[in-house]
Amino acid sequence: MLATHVEKWSRDIEQKGILIGRQEGEQIGEQKGEAKMLTRQLQRRFGNLPPWASQKIADAELSTLEEWSLRILDATTLESVLADPS
């Protein structure tokens, strides 16, 4: 009986681990996709990006990337797009 419970708990833990891993993978993929799109938009608008800008984009969280992708519509400089989130 105890062995049955241990086996079930093990399966539950494994399934939870798989779910968490999948969610983390999706978040990483979404962040990378958003960063790639923002980079292309910034290059189109401002030309080649300096290394500091590329690094800042690569290090940014998804919510920051989303905010920057909206700022590009009104910003006149690369620096104003990539300013720290408000």
PDB file of N, CA and C in Angstrom:
ATOM      1  N   MET A   1       0.822  -1.190   0.000  1.00  0.00           N
ATOM      2  CA  MET A   1       0.000   0.000   0.000  1.00  0.00           C
ATOM      3  C   MET A   1       0.870   1.259   0.000  1.00  0.00           C
ATOM      4  N   LEU A   2       1.873   1.290   0.851  1.00  0.00           N
ATOM      5  CA  LEU A   2       2.776   2.437   0.895  1.00  0.00           C
ATOM      6  C   LEU A   2       3.509   2.580  -0.436  1.00  0.00           C
ATOM      7  N   ALA A   3       3.905   1.456  -1.006  1.00  0.00           N
ATOM      8  CA  ALA A   3       4.613   1.486  -2.287  1.00  0.00           C
ATOM      9  C   ALA A   3       3.718   2.082  -3.374  1.00  0.00           C
ATOM     10  N   THR A   4       2.436   1.807  -3.335  1.00  0.00           N
ATOM     11  CA  THR A   4       1.492   2.353  -4.307  1.00  0.00           C
ATOM     12  C   THR A   4       1.407   3.861  -4.169  1.00  0.00           C
ATOM     13  N   HIS A   5       1.350   4.343  -2.920  1.00  0.00           N
ATOM     14  CA  HIS A   5       1.288   5.789  -2.679  1.00  0.00           C
ATOM     15  C   HIS A   5       2.587   6.472  -3.125  1.00  0.00           C
ATOM     16  N   VAL A   6       3.706   5.867  -2.833  1.00  0.00           N
ATOM     17  CA  VAL A   6       5.001   6.430  -3.223  1.00  0.00           C
ATOM     18  C   VAL A   6       5.095   6.505  -4.739  1.00  0.00           C
ATOM     19  N   GLU A   7       4.637   5.471  -5.411  1.00  0.00           N
ATOM     20  CA  GLU A   7       4.661   5.455  -6.874  1.00  0.00           C
ATOM     21  C   GLU A   7       3.768   6.560  -7.439  1.00  0.00           C
ATOM     22  N   LYS A   8       2.587   6.737  -6.864  1.00  0.00           N
ATOM     23  CA  LYS A   8       1.680   7.797  -7.314  1.00  0.00           C
ATOM     24  C   LYS A   8       2.298   9.168  -7.061  1.00  0.00           C
ATOM     25  N   TRP A   9       2.876   9.372  -5.891  1.00  0.00           N
ATOM     26  CA  TRP A   9       3.518  10.649  -5.583  1.00  0.00           C
ATOM     27  C   TRP A   9       4.661  10.923  -6.551  1.00  0.00           C
ATOM     28  N   SER A  10       5.410   9.899  -6.867  1.00  0.00           N
ATOM     29  CA  SER A  10       6.516  10.056  -7.817  1.00  0.00           C
ATOM     30  C   SER A  10       6.010  10.487  -9.186  1.00  0.00           C
ATOM     31  N   ARG A  11       4.931   9.866  -9.650  1.00  0.00           N
ATOM     32  CA  ARG A  11       4.333  10.245 -10.934  1.00  0.00           C
ATOM     33  C   ARG A  11       3.825  11.679 -10.887  1.00  0.00           C
ATOM     34  N   ASP A  12       3.167  12.047  -9.780  1.00  0.00           N
ATOM     35  CA  ASP A  12       2.647  13.402  -9.638  1.00  0.00           C
ATOM     36  C   ASP A  12       3.773  14.437  -9.679  1.00  0.00           C
ATOM     37  N   ILE A  13       4.849  14.137  -8.963  1.00  0.00           N
ATOM     38  CA  ILE A  13       5.999  15.046  -8.936  1.00  0.00           C
ATOM     39  C   ILE A  13       6.618  15.149 -10.324  1.00  0.00           C
ATOM     40  N   GLU A  14       6.743  14.029 -11.015  1.00  0.00           N
ATOM     41  CA  GLU A  14       7.311  14.035 -12.359  1.00  0.00           C
ATOM     42  C   GLU A  14       6.447  14.847 -13.311  1.00  0.00           C
ATOM     43  N   GLN A  15       5.130  14.684 -13.230  1.00  0.00           N
ATOM     44  CA  GLN A  15       4.220  15.428 -14.095  1.00  0.00           C
ATOM     45  C   GLN A  15       4.293  16.927 -13.800  1.00  0.00           C
ATOM     46  N   LYS A  16       4.398  17.272 -12.511  1.00  0.00           N
ATOM     47  CA  LYS A  16       4.531  18.678 -12.138  1.00  0.00           C
ATOM     48  C   LYS A  16       5.822  19.250 -12.689  1.00  0.00           C
ATOM     49  N   GLY A  17       6.897  18.490 -12.613  1.00  0.00           N
ATOM     50  CA  GLY A  17       8.187  18.930 -13.153  1.00  0.00           C
ATOM     51  C   GLY A  17       8.133  19.147 -14.644  1.00  0.00           C
ATOM     52  N   ILE A  18       7.465  18.261 -15.348  1.00  0.00           N
ATOM     53  CA  ILE A  18       7.316  18.394 -16.798  1.00  0.00           C
ATOM     54  C   ILE A  18       6.515  19.650 -17.117  1.00  0.00           C
ATOM     55  N   LEU A  19       5.454  19.892 -16.386  1.00  0.00           N
ATOM     56  CA  LEU A  19       4.614  21.073 -16.612  1.00  0.00           C
ATOM     57  C   LEU A  19       5.405  22.356 -16.356  1.00  0.00           C
ATOM     58  N   ILE A  20       6.148  22.396 -15.269  1.00  0.00           N
ATOM     59  CA  ILE A  20       6.952  23.578 -14.944  1.00  0.00           C
ATOM     60  C   ILE A  20       8.012  23.800 -16.017  1.00  0.00           C
ATOM     61  N   GLY A  21       8.657  22.749 -16.450  1.00  0.00           N
ATOM     62  CA  GLY A  21       9.658  22.850 -17.504  1.00  0.00           C
ATOM     63  C   GLY A  21       9.070  23.366 -18.799  1.00  0.00           C
ATOM     64  N   ARG A  22       7.902  22.891 -19.137  1.00  0.00           N
ATOM     65  CA  ARG A  22       7.226  23.331 -20.358  1.00  0.00           C
ATOM     66  C   ARG A  22       6.880  24.818 -20.270  1.00  0.00           C
ATOM     67  N   GLN A  23       6.372  25.251 -19.122  1.00  0.00           N
ATOM     68  CA  GLN A  23       6.015  26.665 -18.934  1.00  0.00           C
ATOM     69  C   GLN A  23       7.249  27.559 -19.022  1.00  0.00           C
ATOM     70  N   GLU A  24       8.336  27.126 -18.405  1.00  0.00           N
ATOM     71  CA  GLU A  24       9.578  27.910 -18.465  1.00  0.00           C
ATOM     72  C   GLU A  24      10.093  27.987 -19.900  1.00  0.00           C
ATOM     73  N   GLY A  25       9.994  26.887 -20.619  1.00  0.00           N
ATOM     74  CA  GLY A  25      10.420  26.867 -22.018  1.00  0.00           C
ATOM     75  C   GLY A  25       9.585  27.808 -22.874  1.00  0.00           C
ATOM     76  N   GLU A  26       8.290  27.832 -22.638  1.00  0.00           N
ATOM     77  CA  GLU A  26       7.411  28.732 -23.384  1.00  0.00           C
ATOM     78  C   GLU A  26       7.743  30.189 -23.078  1.00  0.00           C
ATOM     79  N   GLN A  27       8.012  30.493 -21.822  1.00  0.00           N
ATOM     80  CA  GLN A  27       8.355  31.868 -21.441  1.00  0.00           C
ATOM     81  C   GLN A  27       9.662  32.296 -22.099  1.00  0.00           C
ATOM     82  N   ILE A  28      10.643  31.417 -22.095  1.00  0.00           N
ATOM     83  CA  ILE A  28      11.931  31.734 -22.717  1.00  0.00           C
ATOM     84  C   ILE A  28      11.738  31.944 -24.220  1.00  0.00           C
ATOM     85  N   GLY A  29      10.961  31.079 -24.842  1.00  0.00           N
ATOM     86  CA  GLY A  29      10.695  31.211 -26.274  1.00  0.00           C
ATOM     87  C   GLY A  29       9.968  32.502 -26.603  1.00  0.00           C
ATOM     88  N   GLU A  30       9.011  32.869 -25.780  1.00  0.00           N
ATOM     89  CA  GLU A  30       8.267  34.101 -26.008  1.00  0.00           C
ATOM     90  C   GLU A  30       9.189  35.317 -25.846  1.00  0.00           C
ATOM     91  N   GLN A  31      10.047  35.280 -24.833  1.00  0.00           N
ATOM     92  CA  GLN A  31      10.983  36.386 -24.597  1.00  0.00           C
ATOM     93  C   GLN A  31      11.937  36.524 -25.777  1.00  0.00           C
ATOM     94  N   LYS A  32      12.467  35.412 -26.253  1.00  0.00           N
ATOM     95  CA  LYS A  32      13.397  35.458 -27.383  1.00  0.00           C
ATOM     96  C   LYS A  32      12.713  35.965 -28.652  1.00  0.00           C
ATOM     97  N   GLY A  33      11.485  35.539 -28.874  1.00  0.00           N
ATOM     98  CA  GLY A  33      10.745  35.994 -30.053  1.00  0.00           C
ATOM     99  C   GLY A  33      10.453  37.481 -29.997  1.00  0.00           C
ATOM    100  N   GLU A  34      10.058  37.953 -28.834  1.00  0.00           N
ATOM    101  CA  GLU A  34       9.782  39.386 -28.661  1.00  0.00           C
ATOM    102  C   GLU A  34      11.067  40.193 -28.852  1.00  0.00           C
ATOM    103  N   ALA A  35      12.179  39.705 -28.309  1.00  0.00           N
ATOM    104  CA  ALA A  35      13.463  40.399 -28.450  1.00  0.00           C
ATOM    105  C   ALA A  35      13.886  40.458 -29.915  1.00  0.00           C
ATOM    106  N   LYS A  36      13.681  39.375 -30.644  1.00  0.00           N
ATOM    107  CA  LYS A  36      14.042  39.329 -32.057  1.00  0.00           C
ATOM    108  C   LYS A  36      13.211  40.322 -32.870  1.00  0.00           C
ATOM    109  N   MET A  37      11.923  40.362 -32.596  1.00  0.00           N
ATOM    110  CA  MET A  37      11.034  41.275 -33.312  1.00  0.00           C
ATOM    111  C   MET A  37      11.399  42.731 -33.005  1.00  0.00           C
ATOM    112  N   LEU A  38      11.620  43.035 -31.738  1.00  0.00           N
ATOM    113  CA  LEU A  38      11.981  44.399 -31.354  1.00  0.00           C
ATOM    114  C   LEU A  38      13.301  44.802 -32.002  1.00  0.00           C
ATOM    115  N   THR A  39      14.252  43.911 -32.027  1.00  0.00           N
ATOM    116  CA  THR A  39      15.545  44.199 -32.654  1.00  0.00           C
ATOM    117  C   THR A  39      15.359  44.543 -34.130  1.00  0.00           C
ATOM    118  N   ARG A  40      14.557  43.765 -34.823  1.00  0.00           N
ATOM    119  CA  ARG A  40      14.309  44.039 -36.251  1.00  0.00           C
ATOM    120  C   ARG A  40      13.637  45.395 -36.445  1.00  0.00           C
ATOM    121  N   GLN A  41      12.662  45.702 -35.593  1.00  0.00           N
ATOM    122  CA  GLN A  41      11.968  46.989 -35.707  1.00  0.00           C
ATOM    123  C   GLN A  41      12.918  48.153 -35.437  1.00  0.00           C
ATOM    124  N   LEU A  42      13.750  48.006 -34.403  1.00  0.00           N
ATOM    125  CA  LEU A  42      14.696  49.072 -34.073  1.00  0.00           C
ATOM    126  C   LEU A  42      15.733  49.253 -35.175  1.00  0.00           C
ATOM    127  N   GLN A  43      16.188  48.160 -35.749  1.00  0.00           N
ATOM    128  CA  GLN A  43      17.146  48.255 -36.853  1.00  0.00           C
ATOM    129  C   GLN A  43      16.520  48.953 -38.053  1.00  0.00           C
ATOM    130  N   ARG A  44      15.288  48.668 -38.309  1.00  0.00           N
ATOM    131  CA  ARG A  44      14.583  49.294 -39.438  1.00  0.00           C
ATOM    132  C   ARG A  44      14.433  50.794 -39.215  1.00  0.00           C
ATOM    133  N   ARG A  45      14.177  51.163 -37.967  1.00  0.00           N
ATOM    134  CA  ARG A  45      13.922  52.568 -37.648  1.00  0.00           C
ATOM    135  C   ARG A  45      15.204  53.371 -37.430  1.00  0.00           C
ATOM    136  N   PHE A  46      16.193  52.765 -36.748  1.00  0.00           N
ATOM    137  CA  PHE A  46      17.377  53.519 -36.337  1.00  0.00           C
ATOM    138  C   PHE A  46      18.686  53.017 -36.953  1.00  0.00           C
ATOM    139  N   GLY A  47      18.648  51.978 -37.755  1.00  0.00           N
ATOM    140  CA  GLY A  47      19.868  51.427 -38.338  1.00  0.00           C
ATOM    141  C   GLY A  47      20.487  50.380 -37.425  1.00  0.00           C
ATOM    142  N   ASN A  48      21.721  50.014 -37.703  1.00  0.00           N
ATOM    143  CA  ASN A  48      22.407  48.993 -36.898  1.00  0.00           C
ATOM    144  C   ASN A  48      22.442  49.392 -35.436  1.00  0.00           C
ATOM    145  N   LEU A  49      22.184  48.412 -34.567  1.00  0.00           N
ATOM    146  CA  LEU A  49      22.157  48.690 -33.134  1.00  0.00           C
ATOM    147  C   LEU A  49      23.553  48.586 -32.541  1.00  0.00           C
ATOM    148  N   PRO A  50      23.870  49.493 -31.624  1.00  0.00           N
ATOM    149  CA  PRO A  50      25.148  49.373 -30.925  1.00  0.00           C
ATOM    150  C   PRO A  50      25.106  48.170 -29.978  1.00  0.00           C
ATOM    151  N   PRO A  51      26.262  47.637 -29.624  1.00  0.00           N
ATOM    152  CA  PRO A  51      26.303  46.467 -28.742  1.00  0.00           C
ATOM    153  C   PRO A  51      25.541  46.644 -27.428  1.00  0.00           C
ATOM    154  N   TRP A  52      25.591  47.837 -26.845  1.00  0.00           N
ATOM    155  CA  TRP A  52      24.892  48.048 -25.567  1.00  0.00           C
ATOM    156  C   TRP A  52      23.386  47.849 -25.729  1.00  0.00           C
ATOM    157  N   ALA A  53      22.840  48.269 -26.866  1.00  0.00           N
ATOM    158  CA  ALA A  53      21.398  48.127 -27.098  1.00  0.00           C
ATOM    159  C   ALA A  53      21.029  46.656 -27.289  1.00  0.00           C
ATOM    160  N   SER A  54      21.825  45.942 -28.066  1.00  0.00           N
ATOM    161  CA  SER A  54      21.562  44.516 -28.277  1.00  0.00           C
ATOM    162  C   SER A  54      21.623  43.748 -26.966  1.00  0.00           C
ATOM    163  N   GLN A  55      22.585  44.087 -26.123  1.00  0.00           N
ATOM    164  CA  GLN A  55      22.717  43.413 -24.829  1.00  0.00           C
ATOM    165  C   GLN A  55      21.543  43.749 -23.925  1.00  0.00           C
ATOM    166  N   LYS A  56      21.122  45.000 -23.930  1.00  0.00           N
ATOM    167  CA  LYS A  56      19.990  45.415 -23.094  1.00  0.00           C
ATOM    168  C   LYS A  56      18.717  44.674 -23.509  1.00  0.00           C
ATOM    169  N   ILE A  57      18.524  44.517 -24.787  1.00  0.00           N
ATOM    170  CA  ILE A  57      17.355  43.785 -25.291  1.00  0.00           C
ATOM    171  C   ILE A  57      17.446  42.311 -24.884  1.00  0.00           C
ATOM    172  N   ALA A  58      18.612  41.719 -25.039  1.00  0.00           N
ATOM    173  CA  ALA A  58      18.794  40.302 -24.694  1.00  0.00           C
ATOM    174  C   ALA A  58      18.549  40.041 -23.208  1.00  0.00           C
ATOM    175  N   ASP A  59      18.874  41.011 -22.368  1.00  0.00           N
ATOM    176  CA  ASP A  59      18.736  40.840 -20.917  1.00  0.00           C
ATOM    177  C   ASP A  59      17.360  41.214 -20.385  1.00  0.00           C
ATOM    178  N   ALA A  60      16.538  41.836 -21.207  1.00  0.00           N
ATOM    179  CA  ALA A  60      15.255  42.373 -20.742  1.00  0.00           C
ATOM    180  C   ALA A  60      14.218  41.279 -20.491  1.00  0.00           C
ATOM    181  N   GLU A  61      13.362  41.553 -19.536  1.00  0.00           N
ATOM    182  CA  GLU A  61      12.223  40.671 -19.257  1.00  0.00           C
ATOM    183  C   GLU A  61      11.132  40.920 -20.298  1.00  0.00           C
ATOM    184  N   LEU A  62      10.237  39.977 -20.416  1.00  0.00           N
ATOM    185  CA  LEU A  62       9.183  40.045 -21.422  1.00  0.00           C
ATOM    186  C   LEU A  62       8.347  41.315 -21.279  1.00  0.00           C
ATOM    187  N   SER A  63       7.970  41.669 -20.077  1.00  0.00           N
ATOM    188  CA  SER A  63       7.129  42.864 -19.886  1.00  0.00           C
ATOM    189  C   SER A  63       7.849  44.128 -20.352  1.00  0.00           C
ATOM    190  N   THR A  64       9.154  44.192 -20.143  1.00  0.00           N
ATOM    191  CA  THR A  64       9.934  45.340 -20.590  1.00  0.00           C
ATOM    192  C   THR A  64       9.998  45.379 -22.107  1.00  0.00           C
ATOM    193  N   LEU A  65      10.218  44.227 -22.727  1.00  0.00           N
ATOM    194  CA  LEU A  65      10.253  44.160 -24.187  1.00  0.00           C
ATOM    195  C   LEU A  65       8.922  44.615 -24.786  1.00  0.00           C
ATOM    196  N   GLU A  66       7.835  44.219 -24.151  1.00  0.00           N
ATOM    197  CA  GLU A  66       6.519  44.617 -24.641  1.00  0.00           C
ATOM    198  C   GLU A  66       6.336  46.127 -24.540  1.00  0.00           C
ATOM    199  N   GLU A  67       6.798  46.714 -23.442  1.00  0.00           N
ATOM    200  CA  GLU A  67       6.695  48.166 -23.286  1.00  0.00           C
ATOM    201  C   GLU A  67       7.535  48.881 -24.341  1.00  0.00           C
ATOM    202  N   TRP A  68       8.760  48.405 -24.553  1.00  0.00           N
ATOM    203  CA  TRP A  68       9.630  49.014 -25.554  1.00  0.00           C
ATOM    204  C   TRP A  68       9.030  48.904 -26.950  1.00  0.00           C
ATOM    205  N   SER A  69       8.367  47.791 -27.233  1.00  0.00           N
ATOM    206  CA  SER A  69       7.791  47.612 -28.567  1.00  0.00           C
ATOM    207  C   SER A  69       6.661  48.605 -28.829  1.00  0.00           C
ATOM    208  N   LEU A  70       6.048  49.112 -27.776  1.00  0.00           N
ATOM    209  CA  LEU A  70       5.034  50.159 -27.936  1.00  0.00           C
ATOM    210  C   LEU A  70       5.695  51.531 -28.044  1.00  0.00           C
ATOM    211  N   ARG A  71       6.754  51.750 -27.291  1.00  0.00           N
ATOM    212  CA  ARG A  71       7.450  53.037 -27.327  1.00  0.00           C
ATOM    213  C   ARG A  71       8.017  53.353 -28.707  1.00  0.00           C
ATOM    214  N   ILE A  72       8.363  52.339 -29.452  1.00  0.00           N
ATOM    215  CA  ILE A  72       8.991  52.570 -30.754  1.00  0.00           C
ATOM    216  C   ILE A  72       8.077  53.381 -31.672  1.00  0.00           C
ATOM    217  N   LEU A  73       6.795  53.341 -31.421  1.00  0.00           N
ATOM    218  CA  LEU A  73       5.853  54.055 -32.271  1.00  0.00           C
ATOM    219  C   LEU A  73       5.977  55.569 -32.130  1.00  0.00           C
ATOM    220  N   ASP A  74       6.357  56.048 -30.941  1.00  0.00           N
ATOM    221  CA  ASP A  74       6.421  57.482 -30.686  1.00  0.00           C
ATOM    222  C   ASP A  74       7.836  58.012 -30.481  1.00  0.00           C
ATOM    223  N   ALA A  75       8.769  57.150 -30.207  1.00  0.00           N
ATOM    224  CA  ALA A  75      10.125  57.577 -29.852  1.00  0.00           C
ATOM    225  C   ALA A  75      10.864  58.157 -31.059  1.00  0.00           C
ATOM    226  N   THR A  76      11.722  59.110 -30.759  1.00  0.00           N
ATOM    227  CA  THR A  76      12.528  59.713 -31.819  1.00  0.00           C
ATOM    228  C   THR A  76      13.977  59.242 -31.769  1.00  0.00           C
ATOM    229  N   THR A  77      14.363  58.581 -30.685  1.00  0.00           N
ATOM    230  CA  THR A  77      15.726  58.076 -30.555  1.00  0.00           C
ATOM    231  C   THR A  77      15.716  56.667 -30.003  1.00  0.00           C
ATOM    232  N   LEU A  78      16.772  55.948 -30.287  1.00  0.00           N
ATOM    233  CA  LEU A  78      16.954  54.602 -29.747  1.00  0.00           C
ATOM    234  C   LEU A  78      16.991  54.649 -28.218  1.00  0.00           C
ATOM    235  N   GLU A  79      17.682  55.631 -27.689  1.00  0.00           N
ATOM    236  CA  GLU A  79      17.803  55.768 -26.229  1.00  0.00           C
ATOM    237  C   GLU A  79      16.438  55.953 -25.563  1.00  0.00           C
ATOM    238  N   SER A  80      15.540  56.694 -26.204  1.00  0.00           N
ATOM    239  CA  SER A  80      14.225  56.897 -25.585  1.00  0.00           C
ATOM    240  C   SER A  80      13.380  55.628 -25.625  1.00  0.00           C
ATOM    241  N   VAL A  81      13.586  54.793 -26.640  1.00  0.00           N
ATOM    242  CA  VAL A  81      12.872  53.518 -26.677  1.00  0.00           C
ATOM    243  C   VAL A  81      13.345  52.619 -25.549  1.00  0.00           C
ATOM    244  N   LEU A  82      14.667  52.549 -25.360  1.00  0.00           N
ATOM    245  CA  LEU A  82      15.246  51.599 -24.410  1.00  0.00           C
ATOM    246  C   LEU A  82      15.475  52.190 -23.028  1.00  0.00           C
ATOM    247  N   ALA A  83      14.849  53.315 -22.750  1.00  0.00           N
ATOM    248  CA  ALA A  83      14.953  53.882 -21.404  1.00  0.00           C
ATOM    249  C   ALA A  83      14.307  52.919 -20.426  1.00  0.00           C
ATOM    250  N   ASP A  84      14.745  52.971 -19.189  1.00  0.00           N
ATOM    251  CA  ASP A  84      14.190  52.066 -18.172  1.00  0.00           C
ATOM    252  C   ASP A  84      12.679  52.192 -18.127  1.00  0.00           C
ATOM    253  N   PRO A  85      12.006  51.066 -17.906  1.00  0.00           N
ATOM    254  CA  PRO A  85      10.532  51.075 -17.885  1.00  0.00           C
ATOM    255  C   PRO A  85      10.006  52.012 -16.805  1.00  0.00           C
ATOM    256  N   SER A  86       8.890  52.607 -17.105  1.00  0.00           N
ATOM    257  CA  SER A  86       8.287  53.536 -16.136  1.00  0.00           C
ATOM    258  C   SER A  86       7.469  52.820 -15.112  1.00  0.00           C
TER     259      SER A  86
END
